Structures are given as structure tokens and as C-alpha cells.
Amino acid sequence: MKIIICGAGQVGESIAAHLSEEENDVTIIDQNQDRIRKVL
């Protein structure tokens, strides 16, 4: 499944980690590039 998450804060990061563990294609969008780097 392809999923887009808006916001790479605590909740967005947690959801992205959980969904990617289940073999989903996860894309995260956030205005703060540092948050996105942290998730990667």
C-alpha cells in the first residue's frame, strides 16, 4: 500500500515506522527538513 504522512513529529514518525515494518510504501511530508532527516 502507498501511504503519505503529513508531519514528521512524534506521531508521524511513530506511524511511519509501524507502517513501513508492515511492508508499506511510506512517504513523509514535513516543512522541517531536519525532522525528515531524523526519520530516515
C-alpha atoms as a PDB file:
ATOM      1  CA  MET A   1       0.000   0.000   0.000  1.00  0.00           C
ATOM      2  CA  LYS A   2       1.228   3.538  -0.722  1.00  0.00           C
ATOM      3  CA  ILE A   3       0.789   5.905   2.226  1.00  0.00           C
ATOM      4  CA  ILE A   4       1.562   9.618   2.635  1.00  0.00           C
ATOM      5  CA  ILE A   5       2.021  11.022   6.148  1.00  0.00           C
ATOM      6  CA  CYS A   6       1.863  14.785   6.646  1.00  0.00           C
ATOM      7  CA  GLY A   7       4.070  15.720   9.575  1.00  0.00           C
ATOM      8  CA  ALA A   8       7.239  14.084  10.852  1.00  0.00           C
ATOM      9  CA  GLY A   9       6.712  14.838  14.530  1.00  0.00           C
ATOM     10  CA  GLN A  10       6.427  12.191  17.237  1.00  0.00           C
ATOM     11  CA  VAL A  11       3.123  10.810  15.972  1.00  0.00           C
ATOM     12  CA  GLY A  12       4.033  10.898  12.281  1.00  0.00           C
ATOM     13  CA  GLU A  13       7.389   9.251  12.944  1.00  0.00           C
ATOM     14  CA  SER A  14       5.782   6.508  15.022  1.00  0.00           C
ATOM     15  CA  ILE A  15       3.098   5.805  12.436  1.00  0.00           C
ATOM     16  CA  ALA A  16       5.649   5.770   9.605  1.00  0.00           C
ATOM     17  CA  ALA A  17       7.854   3.280  11.451  1.00  0.00           C
ATOM     18  CA  HIS A  18       4.936   0.972  12.183  1.00  0.00           C
ATOM     19  CA  LEU A  19       3.564   1.076   8.643  1.00  0.00           C
ATOM     20  CA  SER A  20       6.960   0.577   6.996  1.00  0.00           C
ATOM     21  CA  GLU A  21       7.552  -2.520   9.152  1.00  0.00           C
ATOM     22  CA  GLU A  22       4.415  -3.932   7.532  1.00  0.00           C
ATOM     23  CA  GLU A  23       5.964  -3.566   4.042  1.00  0.00           C
ATOM     24  CA  ASN A  24       4.014  -0.420   3.087  1.00  0.00           C
ATOM     25  CA  ASP A  25       5.476   2.272   0.808  1.00  0.00           C
ATOM     26  CA  VAL A  26       5.532   5.277   3.179  1.00  0.00           C
ATOM     27  CA  THR A  27       6.193   8.892   2.169  1.00  0.00           C
ATOM     28  CA  ILE A  28       6.546  11.590   4.833  1.00  0.00           C
ATOM     29  CA  ILE A  29       5.954  15.282   4.119  1.00  0.00           C
ATOM     30  CA  ASP A  30       7.092  17.982   6.546  1.00  0.00           C
ATOM     31  CA  GLN A  31       8.213  21.602   6.197  1.00  0.00           C
ATOM     32  CA  ASN A  32      11.112  20.957   8.595  1.00  0.00           C
ATOM     33  CA  GLN A  33      13.885  19.106   6.720  1.00  0.00           C
ATOM     34  CA  ASP A  34      15.662  18.224   9.969  1.00  0.00           C
ATOM     35  CA  ARG A  35      12.663  16.172  11.100  1.00  0.00           C
ATOM     36  CA  ILE A  36      12.638  14.240   7.839  1.00  0.00           C
ATOM     37  CA  ARG A  37      16.381  13.537   8.108  1.00  0.00           C
ATOM     38  CA  LYS A  38      15.804  12.223  11.641  1.00  0.00           C
ATOM     39  CA  VAL A  39      13.168   9.759  10.415  1.00  0.00           C
ATOM     40  CA  LEU A  40      15.415   8.479   7.619  1.00  0.00           C
END
